[in-house]
Protein backbone atom coordinates (compact mmCIF):
# COMPACT_ATOMS: atom_id res chain seq x y z
CA MET A 1 29.12 24.17 -81.67
CA SER A 2 30.81 21.16 -83.20
CA ILE A 3 30.78 17.32 -82.34
CA GLU A 4 34.06 16.90 -82.02
CA GLU A 5 33.85 20.49 -79.75
CA ILE A 6 31.51 18.77 -77.72
CA THR A 7 33.43 15.99 -76.42
CA LYS A 8 36.34 17.73 -75.93
CA ARG A 9 34.43 19.80 -73.09
CA LYS A 10 32.90 16.87 -71.81
CA ASN A 11 36.29 15.25 -71.87
CA LEU A 12 37.77 18.38 -69.93
CA ILE A 13 35.27 18.66 -67.21
CA PHE A 14 34.83 14.93 -66.34
CA ILE A 15 38.88 15.05 -66.43
CA ILE A 16 38.92 18.21 -63.65
CA LEU A 17 36.38 16.47 -61.35
CA SER A 18 38.21 13.64 -61.37
CA ALA A 19 41.27 15.33 -60.76
CA PHE A 20 39.88 17.52 -57.83
CA PHE A 21 38.03 14.33 -56.72
CA ILE A 22 41.59 11.96 -56.22
CA THR A 23 43.63 15.64 -55.43
CA ASN A 24 41.02 15.80 -52.15
CA ALA A 25 40.70 11.88 -51.31
CA ILE A 26 44.23 11.81 -51.06
CA LEU A 27 45.00 14.94 -49.32
CA ALA A 28 42.56 13.96 -46.74
CA GLU A 29 43.69 10.70 -46.35
CA ILE A 30 47.44 12.18 -45.23
CA ILE A 31 46.74 15.24 -43.33
CA GLY A 32 43.90 13.43 -40.99
CA VAL A 33 46.28 12.06 -38.52
CA LYS A 34 46.25 15.30 -37.26
CA ILE A 35 42.92 15.84 -35.07
CA PHE A 36 41.92 19.43 -34.65
CA SER A 37 39.73 21.32 -32.23
CA LEU A 38 36.57 23.14 -34.06
CA GLU A 39 35.66 25.22 -31.34
CA SER A 40 39.08 26.10 -30.22
CA THR A 41 40.01 27.27 -33.84
CA LEU A 42 36.86 29.41 -33.80
CA SER A 43 37.39 30.55 -30.46
CA LEU A 44 34.17 29.28 -29.42
CA ALA A 45 33.19 27.35 -26.04
CA PRO A 46 33.39 23.19 -26.23
CA ALA A 47 30.04 21.75 -27.54
CA GLN A 48 29.91 19.35 -24.36
CA ILE A 49 27.72 17.20 -26.08
CA ASN A 50 26.23 14.54 -24.38
CA ILE A 51 25.65 11.39 -26.32
CA LEU A 52 23.82 8.54 -24.77
CA GLY A 53 24.17 10.25 -21.21
CA LEU A 54 27.64 8.40 -21.34
CA TYR A 55 29.91 11.38 -23.36
CA GLN A 56 30.12 14.28 -23.02
CA LEU A 57 31.90 15.33 -26.31
CA ASP A 58 33.31 18.44 -28.26
CA PHE A 59 34.27 19.01 -31.75
CA ASN A 60 37.76 17.16 -31.86
CA LEU A 61 37.89 16.12 -35.62
CA THR A 62 40.42 14.73 -37.74
CA ALA A 63 42.00 17.35 -39.75
CA GLY A 64 40.87 15.25 -43.15
CA VAL A 65 37.17 16.10 -42.98
CA ILE A 66 37.87 19.69 -43.64
CA ILE A 67 37.85 18.62 -47.13
CA TRP A 68 36.39 15.77 -47.40
CA PRO A 69 32.51 17.36 -48.37
CA PHE A 70 34.09 18.56 -51.16
CA VAL A 71 34.69 15.37 -52.30
CA PHE A 72 31.25 14.26 -52.20
CA LEU A 73 30.62 17.89 -53.86
CA THR A 74 32.46 16.44 -56.31
CA THR A 75 30.56 13.27 -56.55
CA ASP A 76 27.06 14.34 -56.62
CA LEU A 77 28.60 16.67 -60.16
CA ILE A 78 29.70 13.79 -61.55
CA ASN A 79 27.10 12.09 -60.50
CA GLU A 80 24.92 14.47 -62.27
CA TYR A 81 26.58 14.62 -65.63
CA PHE A 82 28.47 11.16 -65.55
CA GLY A 83 26.07 8.83 -64.69
CA LYS A 84 27.18 5.84 -61.84
CA ASP A 85 29.62 4.59 -64.28
CA GLY A 86 31.01 7.55 -64.12
CA VAL A 87 31.30 7.96 -60.36
CA ARG A 88 32.42 4.10 -60.21
CA LYS A 89 35.06 4.61 -62.17
CA ILE A 90 36.81 7.54 -60.43
CA THR A 91 36.12 6.02 -57.07
CA PHE A 92 38.18 2.69 -58.29
CA ILE A 93 40.87 4.31 -59.40
CA THR A 94 41.20 7.02 -56.52
CA THR A 95 41.05 3.70 -53.84
CA GLY A 96 44.14 2.06 -56.00
CA MET A 97 45.69 5.90 -55.59
CA ILE A 98 44.77 6.00 -51.76
CA ILE A 99 46.26 2.43 -51.68
CA TYR A 100 49.58 3.26 -54.17
CA VAL A 101 50.02 6.41 -51.48
CA PHE A 102 50.00 5.05 -48.26
CA LEU A 103 52.41 2.48 -49.53
CA ILE A 104 55.37 4.57 -50.62
CA ILE A 105 54.61 6.36 -47.40
CA TRP A 106 55.27 3.48 -45.57
CA ILE A 107 58.51 2.65 -47.44
CA ALA A 108 59.57 6.28 -47.36
CA THR A 109 59.30 5.98 -43.21
CA LYS A 110 61.22 2.71 -43.16
CA VAL A 111 64.30 3.81 -45.04
CA SER A 112 67.37 4.94 -43.49
CA PRO A 113 67.77 8.73 -42.40
CA ALA A 114 71.02 10.20 -43.82
CA LYS A 115 72.67 11.01 -40.51
CA PHE A 116 74.10 14.72 -41.63
CA TRP A 117 69.73 14.96 -41.69
CA LEU A 118 69.56 13.70 -38.01
CA GLU A 119 72.52 15.98 -36.79
CA VAL A 120 70.77 19.02 -38.61
CA ASN A 121 68.91 20.64 -35.03
CA HIS A 122 65.64 20.45 -35.45
CA LEU A 123 63.42 21.80 -33.06
CA ASP A 124 60.15 21.92 -32.10
CA LEU A 125 57.51 25.38 -31.38
CA GLU A 126 59.20 25.55 -27.96
CA GLY A 127 62.45 25.67 -29.11
CA ASN A 128 63.15 21.84 -27.77
CA PRO A 129 65.52 19.80 -29.72
CA ILE A 130 63.26 16.87 -31.83
CA ASN A 131 64.45 13.59 -33.80
CA ILE A 132 63.16 14.75 -37.01
CA ASN A 133 62.97 11.27 -37.93
CA THR A 134 60.55 10.26 -35.69
CA ALA A 135 58.58 12.86 -36.08
CA TYR A 136 58.33 12.50 -39.82
CA ALA A 137 57.27 8.49 -38.93
CA THR A 138 54.50 9.52 -36.78
CA ILE A 139 53.30 12.25 -39.09
CA PHE A 140 52.83 9.86 -42.04
CA GLN A 141 52.56 6.57 -40.70
CA GLN A 142 48.77 5.55 -39.84
CA GLY A 143 47.40 2.30 -38.45
CA GLY A 144 46.78 -0.47 -40.90
CA GLY A 145 43.28 -0.59 -38.85
CA ILE A 146 43.06 3.09 -39.95
CA ILE A 147 43.56 2.94 -42.88
CA ILE A 148 41.59 -0.12 -44.09
CA GLY A 149 38.54 1.39 -42.05
CA SER A 150 39.49 4.71 -44.01
CA ILE A 151 39.09 2.64 -47.46
CA THR A 152 36.03 0.60 -46.69
CA ALA A 153 34.26 4.06 -45.48
CA PHE A 154 34.80 5.51 -48.50
CA LEU A 155 34.05 2.78 -50.99
CA VAL A 156 30.64 1.91 -49.68
CA GLY A 157 29.76 5.82 -48.93
CA GLN A 158 30.41 6.18 -52.53
CA MET A 159 28.15 3.63 -54.01
CA LEU A 160 25.72 4.18 -51.55
CA ASP A 161 26.04 8.04 -53.02
CA VAL A 162 25.20 6.46 -56.52
CA TYR A 163 22.37 4.93 -55.62
CA VAL A 164 20.59 7.25 -53.51
CA PHE A 165 21.36 10.31 -55.91
CA HIS A 166 19.24 8.36 -59.12
CA TYR A 167 16.94 7.90 -56.61
CA ILE A 168 16.34 10.32 -55.60
CA ARG A 169 16.41 11.97 -58.95
CA LYS A 170 13.81 9.47 -60.78
CA LEU A 171 11.10 10.73 -57.85
CA THR A 172 11.93 14.31 -58.54
CA GLY A 173 13.21 14.74 -62.55
CA GLN A 174 15.39 17.62 -63.16
CA LYS A 175 14.62 19.94 -60.16
CA TYR A 176 15.68 19.68 -56.70
CA ILE A 177 19.08 19.78 -57.65
CA TRP A 178 20.10 20.68 -53.56
CA LEU A 179 17.47 17.58 -52.66
CA ARG A 180 19.17 14.59 -54.63
CA ALA A 181 22.91 16.25 -54.32
CA THR A 182 22.94 16.73 -50.17
CA GLY A 183 20.09 14.32 -49.72
CA SER A 184 22.65 11.71 -51.36
CA THR A 185 25.82 13.16 -49.45
CA LEU A 186 23.74 12.90 -45.91
CA VAL A 187 22.58 9.59 -46.39
CA SER A 188 26.28 8.15 -47.41
CA GLN A 189 27.71 10.02 -45.07
CA LEU A 190 26.13 8.93 -42.51
CA ILE A 191 26.76 5.50 -43.28
CA ASP A 192 30.79 6.39 -43.42
CA SER A 193 30.82 8.51 -40.27
CA TYR A 194 30.25 4.71 -38.27
CA LEU A 195 31.48 2.58 -40.68
CA VAL A 196 35.24 4.07 -40.83
CA LEU A 197 35.50 4.14 -37.29
CA PHE A 198 33.93 0.97 -36.64
CA VAL A 199 36.14 -0.97 -39.03
CA ALA A 200 39.80 0.79 -37.19
CA PHE A 201 38.39 0.81 -33.50
CA PHE A 202 36.09 -1.52 -33.43
CA LEU A 203 36.79 -4.52 -35.25
CA LEU A 204 40.27 -3.71 -36.09
CA GLY A 205 41.34 -1.73 -33.00
CA GLY A 206 43.28 -4.56 -31.30
CA ALA A 207 43.95 -4.10 -27.51
CA ASN A 208 42.88 -0.41 -27.98
CA SER A 209 39.73 -1.32 -29.22
CA TRP A 210 36.66 0.97 -28.47
CA GLU A 211 33.04 0.68 -27.12
CA ILE A 212 30.70 0.64 -30.01
CA ALA A 213 29.29 3.28 -27.75
CA MET A 214 31.93 5.03 -27.96
CA VAL A 215 32.34 4.26 -31.75
CA PHE A 216 28.35 5.57 -32.11
CA ALA A 217 29.51 8.53 -29.73
CA VAL A 218 32.44 9.67 -32.11
CA GLY A 219 30.89 9.11 -35.57
CA SER A 220 27.83 11.32 -33.97
CA ILE A 221 29.47 14.46 -33.48
CA ASN A 222 32.02 13.35 -37.34
CA TYR A 223 28.09 13.01 -38.93
CA ILE A 224 26.41 16.41 -36.85
CA TYR A 225 29.92 18.95 -38.53
CA LYS A 226 29.55 16.79 -42.03
CA PHE A 227 26.04 17.36 -41.87
CA LEU A 228 25.92 21.00 -40.94
CA VAL A 229 28.66 21.34 -44.25
CA ALA A 230 27.11 19.19 -46.67
CA ILE A 231 24.67 22.01 -46.49
CA SER A 232 26.29 25.39 -46.54
CA LEU A 233 27.81 24.13 -49.71
CA THR A 234 24.94 23.94 -51.45
CA PRO A 235 25.17 27.03 -53.20
CA LEU A 236 28.31 26.50 -54.06
CA LEU A 237 26.70 23.29 -55.79
CA TYR A 238 24.65 25.74 -57.90
CA ILE A 239 27.46 27.41 -59.06
CA ILE A 240 29.42 25.04 -60.18
CA HIS A 241 26.17 23.31 -61.89
CA ARG A 242 25.31 26.54 -63.51
CA TRP A 243 29.04 27.34 -64.81
CA ILE A 244 29.20 23.25 -66.57
CA ASP A 245 25.49 23.98 -68.11
CA GLN A 246 26.95 27.12 -69.72
CA TYR A 247 30.01 25.89 -70.95
CA LEU A 248 28.34 22.84 -72.13
CA GLY A 249 26.02 24.17 -73.72
CA LYS A 250 22.08 23.90 -71.85
CA LYS A 251 20.96 21.62 -74.30
CA VAL A 252 23.86 19.79 -74.11
CA ALA A 253 24.58 19.45 -70.83
CA THR A 254 20.43 18.58 -69.75
CA LYS A 255 21.16 15.30 -72.57
CA MET A 256 23.98 14.34 -70.75
CA ILE A 257 22.07 14.58 -67.42
CA ASP A 258 19.28 12.75 -69.08
CA VAL A 259 21.38 9.49 -70.29
CA ALA A 260 23.14 9.58 -66.88
CA ASN A 261 20.09 9.02 -65.69
CA GLU A 262 19.22 6.59 -67.54
CA GLU A 263 21.71 4.32 -66.77
CA PHE A 264 20.44 3.58 -63.33
């Protein structure tokens, strides 16, 4: 394989991983306004997990958690082949894109609706008339505290993921892909799960601020879910890792991984 072809394939891998990373991160932010019941979705009884002896909580989760695990899976793959510089680059680009998306959404909710659009007979699932403009704004708008908390947790989680990933790799070498990938995700998501709630609902919650015990309780439920999903995605990590190795060639892939680790 020529140097030009190798470079072309490396760039294509980075573009694919970056595109998937950015798309899922932005989607998670947009759909995150919905809270869903995991138990009801799976036709299970409510979990009623006792947290601190104060709360009996079920798995009522933001819809964003459906795809956030794939963001961190992609982080691990970028980490593996392109190192901390690759992760930092795509993290900062994604953060800028998330801010941009929220700005455009805010503008879209503020522009005056066309009269004919409002007069169309919009109905809810029960057949009751609804104000479509109010529904539009309610669905797409998110509080400033939630946006700031989400972005803060995303940045901190990504930087921590980079550090833990390469620290584990220095200890284990190229063995145990599952350990450095899953381990870094579990550590970074431990911080992310609590930090987003702490910033959004404790520091910036205003009159409706949560107690710190509530932050810990809800964060624990979120982390249990993320923990289980991160473990379940391990086979997919190996499948994608093998495909990349085959596409680049084992020798080239191994060299990329070694260079990526040298940067740490």
